[in-house]
Every structure is written in C-alpha cells, then in structure tokens.
Amino acid sequence: MAKATRKKKDADAPAEEKILAAARAVFTRNGYAATTVRDIAAEADLNFSLVNYYFRSKEKLYDLVMKDAIRQLLHGIKGLLDDVHTSPQEKIDLVCAQWIDMLLVHPDLPLFVMNGVANSSNDITKELVENNVFLTSYFVRQLVELHGKGQLKTAPLHLVMNMVSMLTLPFVARHLLLKTGAIDMKQFRAMMEERKTLIPAWLKTML
C-alpha cells in the first residue's frame, strides 16, 4: 500500500511542478487580481479541473508560489550572512556575487515578491517574518557592534537597505529598461556582472 502511494506521488510530481511553474509565470506577468485558474491551466497546458484537483484555488496556489519565491530569494544567502568566520566586508563581496548570480537565473523573482507583498495573506506575512535572514543575521550583529564602537559611519539598517536595493532594483526595472530600448538583454547581463564588483565597492565606502 505504501509503495502504491509513493508511486502515485511520483506520478503526480511532474504535473504539480508544471502547475506551480505556470502559476509563477502568470502571476508575475498579470498580477494576482488579473490571474484566473484558467489562465494558469492554459499556461501549463493542462486541464482546468486538474489544476483545481491539485491546488483547490487560486489563493492556495498563490500562497505556495509566493512562499517558494521568498525562500528561493533569501535562503541562498543565509549561510553567507551567518558565517562567523568572515568579516562584514567579505560577507558583502560574497552576498553580492551570489545574489546577482541567482537573480540572473531567476530575474523575475524580486518583482514577483514585491507584488506579492501587496496581496499577502497572513501565511505569506509569516513566511516573510520567519525568513528575515538579513535583520536576524550575524552580519547585522557585526555591523551593530562596529557602529557601537564608532567604527561604522552608517547606521546598520541604512547599509542593509542600500545593499538590498542596489542588488534587486535593477531586476525590478529590467522590463522597463528593455522595452524602452535603453539596453538589450546582453548589455543588462554585462551590467549585472559589473555590479558584482561595483556594489561591494560602493557599500564599503559606508563602512
């Protein structure tokens, strides 16, 4: 019986993954309010009733996709921020490089998460609080200690906000930059690679 259940779950996995990927694409493109379950089914190239069978409602799907996006955006850098063996300067270098690499693979993540916060349920709000990897990190404790000793010119929260903004806002503005013809995708990628060096240099002037 257990073996049969396991086989069913294995068979279901591709359909569920396809639906979740389609939901993220449609929610990112259309926003929550303008998206229907039929839109998601069409994007996944699956029957409407199958989407309902697996996920029951648009709200359930949105919560699951949002939670996954939040974890994907933040968990990759948690280990770097909490490393007790690296200095704040080293953490800035490592986090900037890893965050940009991750967003080049998933460039719509920041915009999706930002839009999602406006429509957030209690579950998503809880997810954001529980995944508050920056403000609860060893990195911030290091900054607070330096600030207390007068060795940090900028308040820690300002530095963290600047860091997150510099890393994510270009990806939020990406569609506008591309549509206006200011840059093409090849130029955008080249600029993001440059920012792996530029952002740490800018941030370190605040230390």
N, C-alpha and C. Protein backbone atom coordinates (compact mmCIF):
# COMPACT_ATOMS: atom_id res chain seq x y z
N MET A 1 0.84 -1.21 0.00
CA MET A 1 0.00 0.00 0.00
C MET A 1 0.87 1.26 0.00
N ALA A 2 1.91 1.23 0.87
CA ALA A 2 2.81 2.38 0.95
C ALA A 2 3.53 2.58 -0.38
N LYS A 3 3.87 1.44 -1.04
CA LYS A 3 4.57 1.51 -2.32
C LYS A 3 3.66 2.14 -3.38
N ALA A 4 2.38 1.79 -3.37
CA ALA A 4 1.43 2.34 -4.34
C ALA A 4 1.25 3.84 -4.14
N THR A 5 1.20 4.26 -2.85
CA THR A 5 1.06 5.68 -2.54
C THR A 5 2.27 6.46 -3.03
N ARG A 6 3.46 5.86 -2.82
CA ARG A 6 4.69 6.52 -3.25
C ARG A 6 4.72 6.66 -4.77
N LYS A 7 4.26 5.62 -5.49
CA LYS A 7 4.22 5.68 -6.95
C LYS A 7 3.28 6.78 -7.44
N LYS A 8 2.14 6.92 -6.76
CA LYS A 8 1.17 7.95 -7.14
C LYS A 8 1.77 9.33 -6.95
N LYS A 9 2.48 9.53 -5.82
CA LYS A 9 3.11 10.83 -5.57
C LYS A 9 4.16 11.13 -6.62
N ASP A 10 4.94 10.11 -7.02
CA ASP A 10 5.96 10.30 -8.04
C ASP A 10 5.33 10.69 -9.38
N ALA A 11 4.19 10.06 -9.70
CA ALA A 11 3.50 10.36 -10.94
C ALA A 11 2.89 11.76 -10.92
N ASP A 12 2.43 12.18 -9.73
CA ASP A 12 1.81 13.49 -9.59
C ASP A 12 2.82 14.63 -9.67
N ALA A 13 4.06 14.36 -9.25
CA ALA A 13 5.06 15.42 -9.12
C ALA A 13 5.24 16.26 -10.38
N PRO A 14 5.40 15.66 -11.58
CA PRO A 14 5.59 16.49 -12.77
C PRO A 14 4.42 17.44 -13.04
N ALA A 15 3.19 16.95 -12.85
CA ALA A 15 2.02 17.81 -13.07
C ALA A 15 1.99 18.95 -12.06
N GLU A 16 2.26 18.65 -10.80
CA GLU A 16 2.26 19.69 -9.76
C GLU A 16 3.34 20.72 -10.04
N GLU A 17 4.52 20.26 -10.41
CA GLU A 17 5.63 21.18 -10.70
C GLU A 17 5.30 22.05 -11.91
N LYS A 18 4.67 21.46 -12.90
CA LYS A 18 4.28 22.20 -14.10
C LYS A 18 3.26 23.29 -13.76
N ILE A 19 2.31 22.95 -12.90
CA ILE A 19 1.29 23.92 -12.49
C ILE A 19 1.92 25.05 -11.69
N LEU A 20 2.81 24.72 -10.76
CA LEU A 20 3.46 25.75 -9.94
C LEU A 20 4.31 26.68 -10.80
N ALA A 21 5.04 26.11 -11.77
CA ALA A 21 5.86 26.94 -12.67
C ALA A 21 4.97 27.85 -13.51
N ALA A 22 3.86 27.31 -13.99
CA ALA A 22 2.93 28.11 -14.79
C ALA A 22 2.31 29.22 -13.95
N ALA A 23 1.94 28.89 -12.71
CA ALA A 23 1.33 29.88 -11.81
C ALA A 23 2.29 31.03 -11.56
N ARG A 24 3.52 30.72 -11.31
CA ARG A 24 4.50 31.78 -11.06
C ARG A 24 4.66 32.68 -12.29
N ALA A 25 4.70 32.06 -13.47
CA ALA A 25 4.85 32.84 -14.70
C ALA A 25 3.65 33.77 -14.92
N VAL A 26 2.44 33.24 -14.70
CA VAL A 26 1.24 34.04 -14.96
C VAL A 26 1.04 35.11 -13.89
N PHE A 27 1.28 34.75 -12.62
CA PHE A 27 1.17 35.75 -11.56
C PHE A 27 2.16 36.88 -11.77
N THR A 28 3.37 36.54 -12.19
CA THR A 28 4.39 37.56 -12.44
C THR A 28 3.98 38.47 -13.60
N ARG A 29 3.43 37.88 -14.64
CA ARG A 29 3.07 38.63 -15.84
C ARG A 29 1.81 39.47 -15.65
N ASN A 30 0.78 38.90 -15.00
CA ASN A 30 -0.53 39.55 -14.94
C ASN A 30 -0.87 40.16 -13.59
N GLY A 31 -0.14 39.76 -12.54
CA GLY A 31 -0.52 40.17 -11.19
C GLY A 31 -1.58 39.23 -10.64
N TYR A 32 -1.77 39.30 -9.33
CA TYR A 32 -2.70 38.37 -8.67
C TYR A 32 -4.14 38.58 -9.13
N ALA A 33 -4.62 39.83 -9.09
CA ALA A 33 -6.03 40.11 -9.34
C ALA A 33 -6.45 39.72 -10.75
N ALA A 34 -5.57 39.92 -11.71
CA ALA A 34 -5.93 39.68 -13.12
C ALA A 34 -5.71 38.24 -13.56
N THR A 35 -5.23 37.39 -12.66
CA THR A 35 -4.96 36.00 -12.99
C THR A 35 -6.14 35.11 -12.60
N THR A 36 -6.48 34.16 -13.45
CA THR A 36 -7.51 33.17 -13.13
C THR A 36 -6.88 31.78 -13.16
N VAL A 37 -7.56 30.82 -12.57
CA VAL A 37 -7.09 29.44 -12.61
C VAL A 37 -7.04 28.94 -14.05
N ARG A 38 -7.97 29.41 -14.88
CA ARG A 38 -7.97 29.02 -16.29
C ARG A 38 -6.71 29.53 -17.00
N ASP A 39 -6.26 30.72 -16.63
CA ASP A 39 -5.02 31.25 -17.20
C ASP A 39 -3.84 30.33 -16.86
N ILE A 40 -3.82 29.89 -15.61
CA ILE A 40 -2.72 29.03 -15.16
C ILE A 40 -2.79 27.68 -15.86
N ALA A 41 -3.99 27.12 -15.99
CA ALA A 41 -4.16 25.85 -16.69
C ALA A 41 -3.70 25.96 -18.14
N ALA A 42 -4.05 27.07 -18.79
CA ALA A 42 -3.64 27.27 -20.18
C ALA A 42 -2.12 27.39 -20.29
N GLU A 43 -1.51 28.12 -19.36
CA GLU A 43 -0.05 28.27 -19.37
C GLU A 43 0.64 26.92 -19.18
N ALA A 44 0.07 26.08 -18.31
CA ALA A 44 0.64 24.76 -18.03
C ALA A 44 0.27 23.73 -19.09
N ASP A 45 -0.66 24.11 -19.98
CA ASP A 45 -1.18 23.19 -21.00
C ASP A 45 -1.80 21.95 -20.35
N LEU A 46 -2.58 22.21 -19.29
CA LEU A 46 -3.27 21.15 -18.57
C LEU A 46 -4.74 21.49 -18.44
N ASN A 47 -5.54 20.49 -18.15
CA ASN A 47 -6.97 20.68 -17.96
C ASN A 47 -7.25 21.53 -16.73
N PHE A 48 -8.21 22.44 -16.84
CA PHE A 48 -8.62 23.31 -15.73
C PHE A 48 -8.96 22.52 -14.47
N SER A 49 -9.68 21.42 -14.63
CA SER A 49 -10.10 20.62 -13.47
C SER A 49 -8.90 19.97 -12.78
N LEU A 50 -7.84 19.71 -13.55
CA LEU A 50 -6.65 19.11 -12.96
C LEU A 50 -5.95 20.09 -12.02
N VAL A 51 -5.92 21.37 -12.40
CA VAL A 51 -5.33 22.40 -11.53
C VAL A 51 -6.13 22.49 -10.24
N ASN A 52 -7.45 22.49 -10.36
CA ASN A 52 -8.30 22.53 -9.16
C ASN A 52 -8.12 21.29 -8.29
N TYR A 53 -7.93 20.16 -8.93
CA TYR A 53 -7.75 18.89 -8.20
C TYR A 53 -6.51 18.96 -7.30
N TYR A 54 -5.42 19.49 -7.86
CA TYR A 54 -4.17 19.54 -7.10
C TYR A 54 -4.12 20.67 -6.08
N PHE A 55 -4.68 21.83 -6.42
CA PHE A 55 -4.44 23.01 -5.59
C PHE A 55 -5.69 23.72 -5.08
N ARG A 56 -6.86 23.30 -5.49
CA ARG A 56 -8.15 23.74 -4.93
C ARG A 56 -8.54 25.18 -5.27
N SER A 57 -7.60 26.14 -5.27
CA SER A 57 -7.98 27.53 -5.51
C SER A 57 -6.78 28.36 -5.95
N LYS A 58 -7.10 29.50 -6.53
CA LYS A 58 -6.06 30.45 -6.93
C LYS A 58 -5.29 30.93 -5.70
N GLU A 59 -6.00 31.18 -4.61
CA GLU A 59 -5.38 31.68 -3.38
C GLU A 59 -4.35 30.69 -2.84
N LYS A 60 -4.71 29.39 -2.86
CA LYS A 60 -3.79 28.36 -2.38
C LYS A 60 -2.53 28.32 -3.25
N LEU A 61 -2.74 28.37 -4.55
CA LEU A 61 -1.60 28.36 -5.48
C LEU A 61 -0.70 29.56 -5.25
N TYR A 62 -1.30 30.73 -5.09
CA TYR A 62 -0.54 31.96 -4.90
C TYR A 62 0.30 31.88 -3.63
N ASP A 63 -0.29 31.41 -2.56
CA ASP A 63 0.45 31.27 -1.30
C ASP A 63 1.65 30.36 -1.47
N LEU A 64 1.45 29.21 -2.13
CA LEU A 64 2.54 28.26 -2.30
C LEU A 64 3.66 28.84 -3.17
N VAL A 65 3.28 29.50 -4.25
CA VAL A 65 4.29 30.07 -5.16
C VAL A 65 5.04 31.20 -4.49
N MET A 66 4.32 32.04 -3.74
CA MET A 66 4.95 33.16 -3.04
C MET A 66 5.94 32.65 -1.98
N LYS A 67 5.53 31.66 -1.20
CA LYS A 67 6.41 31.13 -0.16
C LYS A 67 7.68 30.55 -0.77
N ASP A 68 7.52 29.84 -1.88
CA ASP A 68 8.69 29.27 -2.55
C ASP A 68 9.61 30.37 -3.07
N ALA A 69 9.03 31.45 -3.61
CA ALA A 69 9.83 32.57 -4.13
C ALA A 69 10.61 33.25 -3.02
N ILE A 70 9.97 33.45 -1.86
CA ILE A 70 10.62 34.08 -0.72
C ILE A 70 11.81 33.24 -0.25
N ARG A 71 11.58 31.93 -0.14
CA ARG A 71 12.67 31.04 0.30
C ARG A 71 13.81 31.05 -0.71
N GLN A 72 13.46 31.01 -1.99
CA GLN A 72 14.47 30.99 -3.04
C GLN A 72 15.29 32.28 -3.04
N LEU A 73 14.64 33.38 -2.80
CA LEU A 73 15.31 34.68 -2.81
C LEU A 73 16.26 34.83 -1.62
N LEU A 74 15.88 34.30 -0.48
CA LEU A 74 16.61 34.61 0.75
C LEU A 74 17.47 33.47 1.30
N HIS A 75 17.06 32.23 1.11
CA HIS A 75 17.78 31.13 1.75
C HIS A 75 19.18 30.94 1.22
N GLY A 76 19.40 31.27 -0.07
CA GLY A 76 20.72 31.06 -0.65
C GLY A 76 21.82 31.87 0.00
N ILE A 77 21.43 32.99 0.64
CA ILE A 77 22.45 33.85 1.24
C ILE A 77 22.53 33.72 2.76
N LYS A 78 21.63 32.95 3.33
CA LYS A 78 21.57 32.84 4.80
C LYS A 78 22.90 32.35 5.38
N GLY A 79 23.45 31.30 4.78
CA GLY A 79 24.71 30.75 5.27
C GLY A 79 25.85 31.75 5.19
N LEU A 80 25.87 32.56 4.14
CA LEU A 80 26.91 33.57 3.98
C LEU A 80 26.79 34.66 5.05
N LEU A 81 25.56 35.09 5.32
CA LEU A 81 25.33 36.15 6.30
C LEU A 81 25.63 35.70 7.73
N ASP A 82 25.46 34.41 7.99
CA ASP A 82 25.63 33.90 9.35
C ASP A 82 27.00 33.27 9.60
N ASP A 83 27.89 33.34 8.64
CA ASP A 83 29.23 32.78 8.80
C ASP A 83 30.03 33.60 9.81
N VAL A 84 30.41 32.95 10.90
CA VAL A 84 31.12 33.67 11.97
C VAL A 84 32.60 33.87 11.64
N HIS A 85 33.06 33.27 10.55
CA HIS A 85 34.49 33.33 10.23
C HIS A 85 34.83 34.41 9.20
N THR A 86 33.83 35.11 8.67
CA THR A 86 34.11 36.14 7.66
C THR A 86 33.78 37.53 8.20
N SER A 87 34.51 38.51 7.72
CA SER A 87 34.29 39.91 8.12
C SER A 87 33.07 40.47 7.39
N PRO A 88 32.54 41.61 7.84
CA PRO A 88 31.44 42.25 7.10
C PRO A 88 31.81 42.54 5.65
N GLN A 89 33.06 42.96 5.43
CA GLN A 89 33.50 43.27 4.06
C GLN A 89 33.48 42.02 3.19
N GLU A 90 33.95 40.90 3.75
CA GLU A 90 33.93 39.64 2.99
C GLU A 90 32.51 39.19 2.73
N LYS A 91 31.63 39.36 3.70
CA LYS A 91 30.22 38.98 3.51
C LYS A 91 29.59 39.79 2.38
N ILE A 92 29.89 41.07 2.32
CA ILE A 92 29.35 41.92 1.26
C ILE A 92 29.80 41.40 -0.11
N ASP A 93 31.08 41.07 -0.26
CA ASP A 93 31.59 40.53 -1.53
C ASP A 93 30.84 39.25 -1.91
N LEU A 94 30.73 38.33 -0.96
CA LEU A 94 30.14 37.02 -1.24
C LEU A 94 28.65 37.10 -1.52
N VAL A 95 27.94 37.89 -0.70
CA VAL A 95 26.49 38.00 -0.87
C VAL A 95 26.14 38.68 -2.20
N CYS A 96 26.84 39.74 -2.53
CA CYS A 96 26.55 40.45 -3.78
C CYS A 96 26.74 39.54 -4.99
N ALA A 97 27.83 38.78 -5.00
CA ALA A 97 28.09 37.89 -6.13
C ALA A 97 27.04 36.79 -6.23
N GLN A 98 26.71 36.18 -5.08
CA GLN A 98 25.76 35.07 -5.11
C GLN A 98 24.35 35.55 -5.44
N TRP A 99 23.95 36.70 -4.86
CA TRP A 99 22.60 37.21 -5.09
C TRP A 99 22.40 37.55 -6.57
N ILE A 100 23.39 38.22 -7.18
CA ILE A 100 23.27 38.58 -8.59
C ILE A 100 23.27 37.34 -9.47
N ASP A 101 24.11 36.35 -9.17
CA ASP A 101 24.11 35.10 -9.93
C ASP A 101 22.73 34.44 -9.88
N MET A 102 22.14 34.41 -8.69
CA MET A 102 20.83 33.78 -8.54
C MET A 102 19.75 34.55 -9.31
N LEU A 103 19.80 35.89 -9.27
CA LEU A 103 18.78 36.68 -9.96
C LEU A 103 18.96 36.67 -11.48
N LEU A 104 20.16 36.45 -11.95
CA LEU A 104 20.35 36.31 -13.40
C LEU A 104 19.69 35.03 -13.91
N VAL A 105 19.59 34.03 -13.04
CA VAL A 105 18.89 32.79 -13.39
C VAL A 105 17.38 32.97 -13.22
N HIS A 106 16.97 33.74 -12.19
CA HIS A 106 15.55 33.96 -11.90
C HIS A 106 15.27 35.47 -11.84
N PRO A 107 15.34 36.16 -12.96
CA PRO A 107 15.27 37.63 -12.94
C PRO A 107 13.93 38.23 -12.51
N ASP A 108 12.85 37.44 -12.57
CA ASP A 108 11.54 37.99 -12.21
C ASP A 108 11.22 37.84 -10.71
N LEU A 109 12.10 37.18 -9.97
CA LEU A 109 11.83 36.93 -8.55
C LEU A 109 11.58 38.21 -7.74
N PRO A 110 12.43 39.23 -7.82
CA PRO A 110 12.21 40.42 -6.99
C PRO A 110 10.87 41.10 -7.24
N LEU A 111 10.51 41.25 -8.53
CA LEU A 111 9.24 41.90 -8.86
C LEU A 111 8.07 41.06 -8.37
N PHE A 112 8.19 39.75 -8.52
CA PHE A 112 7.12 38.86 -8.08
C PHE A 112 6.92 38.97 -6.57
N VAL A 113 8.01 38.96 -5.81
CA VAL A 113 7.90 39.04 -4.35
C VAL A 113 7.36 40.41 -3.93
N MET A 114 7.83 41.48 -4.59
CA MET A 114 7.34 42.82 -4.24
C MET A 114 5.84 42.95 -4.50
N ASN A 115 5.39 42.45 -5.66
CA ASN A 115 3.95 42.48 -5.95
C ASN A 115 3.17 41.61 -4.97
N GLY A 116 3.78 40.52 -4.59
CA GLY A 116 3.10 39.60 -3.68
C GLY A 116 2.88 40.17 -2.30
N VAL A 117 3.79 40.99 -1.84
CA VAL A 117 3.64 41.58 -0.51
C VAL A 117 2.36 42.42 -0.44
N ALA A 118 2.01 43.07 -1.54
CA ALA A 118 0.79 43.90 -1.55
C ALA A 118 -0.47 43.05 -1.42
N ASN A 119 -0.39 41.78 -1.84
CA ASN A 119 -1.56 40.90 -1.76
C ASN A 119 -1.36 39.81 -0.71
N SER A 120 -0.48 40.06 0.25
CA SER A 120 -0.05 38.98 1.13
C SER A 120 -1.13 38.54 2.11
N SER A 121 -1.21 37.24 2.27
CA SER A 121 -2.07 36.65 3.29
C SER A 121 -1.29 36.59 4.59
N ASN A 122 -1.96 36.17 5.66
CA ASN A 122 -1.27 36.01 6.94
C ASN A 122 -0.15 34.99 6.84
N ASP A 123 -0.36 33.94 6.02
CA ASP A 123 0.66 32.91 5.86
C ASP A 123 1.91 33.47 5.19
N ILE A 124 1.71 34.33 4.19
CA ILE A 124 2.86 34.90 3.48
C ILE A 124 3.58 35.91 4.38
N THR A 125 2.82 36.68 5.14
CA THR A 125 3.43 37.61 6.09
C THR A 125 4.29 36.84 7.09
N LYS A 126 3.77 35.72 7.56
CA LYS A 126 4.52 34.87 8.49
C LYS A 126 5.79 34.35 7.84
N GLU A 127 5.68 33.97 6.57
CA GLU A 127 6.84 33.47 5.83
C GLU A 127 7.91 34.55 5.73
N LEU A 128 7.53 35.78 5.46
CA LEU A 128 8.48 36.89 5.38
C LEU A 128 9.18 37.13 6.71
N VAL A 129 8.40 37.06 7.80
CA VAL A 129 8.97 37.26 9.13
C VAL A 129 9.96 36.15 9.46
N GLU A 130 9.56 34.90 9.17
CA GLU A 130 10.41 33.75 9.51
C GLU A 130 11.66 33.69 8.64
N ASN A 131 11.61 34.30 7.46
CA ASN A 131 12.76 34.29 6.55
C ASN A 131 13.47 35.64 6.51
N ASN A 132 13.40 36.35 7.61
CA ASN A 132 14.04 37.66 7.71
C ASN A 132 15.54 37.47 7.93
N VAL A 133 16.21 36.94 6.88
CA VAL A 133 17.58 36.48 7.04
C VAL A 133 18.57 37.61 7.25
N PHE A 134 18.26 38.81 6.79
CA PHE A 134 19.20 39.92 6.96
C PHE A 134 19.20 40.43 8.40
N LEU A 135 18.04 40.85 8.88
CA LEU A 135 17.99 41.54 10.16
C LEU A 135 18.29 40.65 11.35
N THR A 136 18.17 39.34 11.17
CA THR A 136 18.50 38.42 12.27
C THR A 136 19.87 37.78 12.07
N SER A 137 20.66 38.29 11.14
CA SER A 137 21.92 37.63 10.76
C SER A 137 23.09 38.04 11.64
N TYR A 138 24.11 37.22 11.58
CA TYR A 138 25.38 37.53 12.25
C TYR A 138 26.03 38.76 11.60
N PHE A 139 25.79 38.93 10.31
CA PHE A 139 26.29 40.11 9.58
C PHE A 139 25.79 41.40 10.24
N VAL A 140 24.51 41.47 10.53
CA VAL A 140 23.96 42.67 11.17
C VAL A 140 24.51 42.83 12.58
N ARG A 141 24.70 41.72 13.29
CA ARG A 141 25.31 41.82 14.63
C ARG A 141 26.70 42.41 14.54
N GLN A 142 27.44 42.03 13.53
CA GLN A 142 28.78 42.61 13.32
C GLN A 142 28.69 44.11 13.05
N LEU A 143 27.73 44.50 12.22
CA LEU A 143 27.57 45.92 11.90
C LEU A 143 27.16 46.72 13.13
N VAL A 144 26.25 46.17 13.92
CA VAL A 144 25.81 46.85 15.15
C VAL A 144 26.98 47.03 16.10
N GLU A 145 27.82 46.02 16.21
CA GLU A 145 28.99 46.11 17.09
C GLU A 145 29.95 47.20 16.61
N LEU A 146 30.20 47.24 15.31
CA LEU A 146 31.08 48.27 14.75
C LEU A 146 30.49 49.66 14.94
N HIS A 147 29.18 49.78 14.76
CA HIS A 147 28.50 51.07 14.93
C HIS A 147 28.59 51.52 16.38
N GLY A 148 28.43 50.59 17.30
CA GLY A 148 28.51 50.92 18.73
C GLY A 148 29.89 51.40 19.14
N LYS A 149 30.92 50.91 18.45
CA LYS A 149 32.29 51.32 18.73
C LYS A 149 32.69 52.58 17.96
N GLY A 150 31.76 53.11 17.18
CA GLY A 150 32.08 54.29 16.37
C GLY A 150 32.91 53.97 15.15
N GLN A 151 32.97 52.68 14.77
CA GLN A 151 33.79 52.27 13.63
C GLN A 151 32.98 52.08 12.35
N LEU A 152 31.69 52.38 12.41
CA LEU A 152 30.83 52.30 11.25
C LEU A 152 30.13 53.64 11.05
N LYS A 153 30.36 54.26 9.89
CA LYS A 153 29.84 55.61 9.66
C LYS A 153 28.33 55.63 9.44
N THR A 154 27.80 54.54 8.90
CA THR A 154 26.38 54.48 8.53
C THR A 154 25.64 53.56 9.47
N ALA A 155 24.41 53.92 9.86
CA ALA A 155 23.59 53.05 10.70
C ALA A 155 23.39 51.71 9.98
N PRO A 156 23.48 50.58 10.70
CA PRO A 156 23.37 49.25 10.08
C PRO A 156 22.15 49.08 9.18
N LEU A 157 21.00 49.57 9.61
CA LEU A 157 19.79 49.39 8.81
C LEU A 157 19.89 50.12 7.46
N HIS A 158 20.49 51.31 7.47
CA HIS A 158 20.70 52.02 6.21
C HIS A 158 21.57 51.20 5.26
N LEU A 159 22.63 50.61 5.80
CA LEU A 159 23.54 49.85 4.96
C LEU A 159 22.84 48.63 4.38
N VAL A 160 22.05 47.93 5.21
CA VAL A 160 21.31 46.75 4.73
C VAL A 160 20.29 47.14 3.66
N MET A 161 19.56 48.24 3.89
CA MET A 161 18.57 48.68 2.89
C MET A 161 19.25 49.05 1.58
N ASN A 162 20.38 49.73 1.67
CA ASN A 162 21.12 50.10 0.47
C ASN A 162 21.59 48.86 -0.28
N MET A 163 22.07 47.89 0.46
CA MET A 163 22.57 46.65 -0.14
C MET A 163 21.46 45.92 -0.89
N VAL A 164 20.32 45.72 -0.23
CA VAL A 164 19.20 45.01 -0.85
C VAL A 164 18.68 45.79 -2.07
N SER A 165 18.58 47.11 -1.93
CA SER A 165 18.08 47.93 -3.04
C SER A 165 19.01 47.87 -4.25
N MET A 166 20.30 48.03 -4.02
CA MET A 166 21.26 48.01 -5.13
C MET A 166 21.25 46.67 -5.87
N LEU A 167 21.02 45.60 -5.13
CA LEU A 167 21.04 44.27 -5.73
C LEU A 167 19.76 43.94 -6.48
N THR A 168 18.62 44.39 -5.97
CA THR A 168 17.35 43.93 -6.52
C THR A 168 16.66 44.91 -7.48
N LEU A 169 16.79 46.22 -7.24
CA LEU A 169 16.02 47.17 -8.05
C LEU A 169 16.34 47.13 -9.54
N PRO A 170 17.59 46.88 -9.96
CA PRO A 170 17.83 46.76 -11.41
C PRO A 170 16.99 45.65 -12.05
N PHE A 171 16.76 44.58 -11.30
CA PHE A 171 15.95 43.48 -11.84
C PHE A 171 14.47 43.86 -11.88
N VAL A 172 14.04 44.67 -10.92
CA VAL A 172 12.66 45.17 -10.94
C VAL A 172 12.45 46.08 -12.14
N ALA A 173 13.46 46.87 -12.46
CA ALA A 173 13.37 47.83 -13.57
C ALA A 173 13.73 47.21 -14.93
N ARG A 174 14.09 45.95 -14.93
CA ARG A 174 14.62 45.31 -16.14
C ARG A 174 13.67 45.42 -17.34
N HIS A 175 12.39 45.12 -17.13
CA HIS A 175 11.44 45.15 -18.25
C HIS A 175 11.34 46.54 -18.85
N LEU A 176 11.31 47.56 -17.99
CA LEU A 176 11.22 48.94 -18.47
C LEU A 176 12.46 49.30 -19.29
N LEU A 177 13.63 48.94 -18.78
CA LEU A 177 14.87 49.24 -19.48
C LEU A 177 14.91 48.56 -20.85
N LEU A 178 14.45 47.31 -20.91
CA LEU A 178 14.46 46.57 -22.16
C LEU A 178 13.43 47.11 -23.14
N LYS A 179 12.22 47.42 -22.64
CA LYS A 179 11.15 47.88 -23.53
C LYS A 179 11.42 49.27 -24.10
N THR A 180 12.09 50.10 -23.33
CA THR A 180 12.40 51.45 -23.84
C THR A 180 13.60 51.45 -24.77
N GLY A 181 14.29 50.32 -24.85
CA GLY A 181 15.45 50.24 -25.72
C GLY A 181 16.70 50.84 -25.12
N ALA A 182 16.65 51.16 -23.83
CA ALA A 182 17.84 51.74 -23.18
C ALA A 182 19.01 50.77 -23.23
N ILE A 183 18.71 49.48 -23.07
CA ILE A 183 19.72 48.43 -23.16
C ILE A 183 19.05 47.19 -23.73
N ASP A 184 19.86 46.23 -24.19
CA ASP A 184 19.32 44.92 -24.56
C ASP A 184 19.71 43.92 -23.48
N MET A 185 19.25 42.68 -23.62
CA MET A 185 19.47 41.69 -22.55
C MET A 185 20.96 41.39 -22.36
N LYS A 186 21.72 41.39 -23.45
CA LYS A 186 23.15 41.13 -23.34
C LYS A 186 23.83 42.24 -22.53
N GLN A 187 23.43 43.48 -22.79
CA GLN A 187 24.00 44.61 -22.04
C GLN A 187 23.57 44.57 -20.57
N PHE A 188 22.31 44.19 -20.35
CA PHE A 188 21.82 44.10 -18.98
C PHE A 188 22.64 43.08 -18.18
N ARG A 189 22.86 41.92 -18.77
CA ARG A 189 23.64 40.88 -18.08
C ARG A 189 25.06 41.37 -17.80
N ALA A 190 25.65 42.07 -18.77
CA ALA A 190 27.01 42.60 -18.58
C ALA A 190 27.05 43.62 -17.43
N MET A 191 26.02 44.46 -17.36
CA MET A 191 25.95 45.44 -16.27
C MET A 191 25.81 44.75 -14.92
N MET A 192 25.01 43.71 -14.85
CA MET A 192 24.84 42.98 -13.59
C MET A 192 26.15 42.31 -13.16
N GLU A 193 26.89 41.80 -14.13
CA GLU A 193 28.20 41.23 -13.80
C GLU A 193 29.12 42.30 -13.23
N GLU A 194 29.08 43.50 -13.81
CA GLU A 194 29.89 44.62 -13.31
C GLU A 194 29.49 44.98 -11.88
N ARG A 195 28.19 44.89 -11.59
CA ARG A 195 27.69 45.28 -10.27
C ARG A 195 28.17 44.35 -9.16
N LYS A 196 28.63 43.15 -9.52
CA LYS A 196 29.21 42.26 -8.51
C LYS A 196 30.44 42.90 -7.86
N THR A 197 31.13 43.74 -8.63
CA THR A 197 32.30 44.45 -8.11
C THR A 197 31.93 45.85 -7.63
N LEU A 198 31.07 46.52 -8.39
CA LEU A 198 30.73 47.91 -8.08
C LEU A 198 29.96 48.05 -6.77
N ILE A 199 28.95 47.20 -6.55
CA ILE A 199 28.14 47.33 -5.33
C ILE A 199 28.97 47.14 -4.06
N PRO A 200 29.81 46.10 -3.97
CA PRO A 200 30.67 46.00 -2.78
C PRO A 200 31.56 47.23 -2.58
N ALA A 201 32.09 47.78 -3.68
CA ALA A 201 32.94 48.97 -3.55
C ALA A 201 32.14 50.14 -3.01
N TRP A 202 30.92 50.33 -3.50
CA TRP A 202 30.07 51.42 -3.01
C TRP A 202 29.71 51.22 -1.54
N LEU A 203 29.34 49.99 -1.19
CA LEU A 203 28.93 49.71 0.20
C LEU A 203 30.08 49.89 1.17
N LYS A 204 31.27 49.49 0.74
CA LYS A 204 32.41 49.57 1.66
C LYS A 204 32.80 51.02 1.98
N THR A 205 32.41 51.96 1.13
CA THR A 205 32.68 53.36 1.46
C THR A 205 31.80 53.82 2.63
N MET A 206 30.74 53.06 2.91
CA MET A 206 29.86 53.40 4.05
C MET A 206 30.34 52.76 5.35
N LEU A 207 31.27 51.84 5.25
CA LEU A 207 31.76 51.16 6.46
C LEU A 207 32.79 52.02 7.20
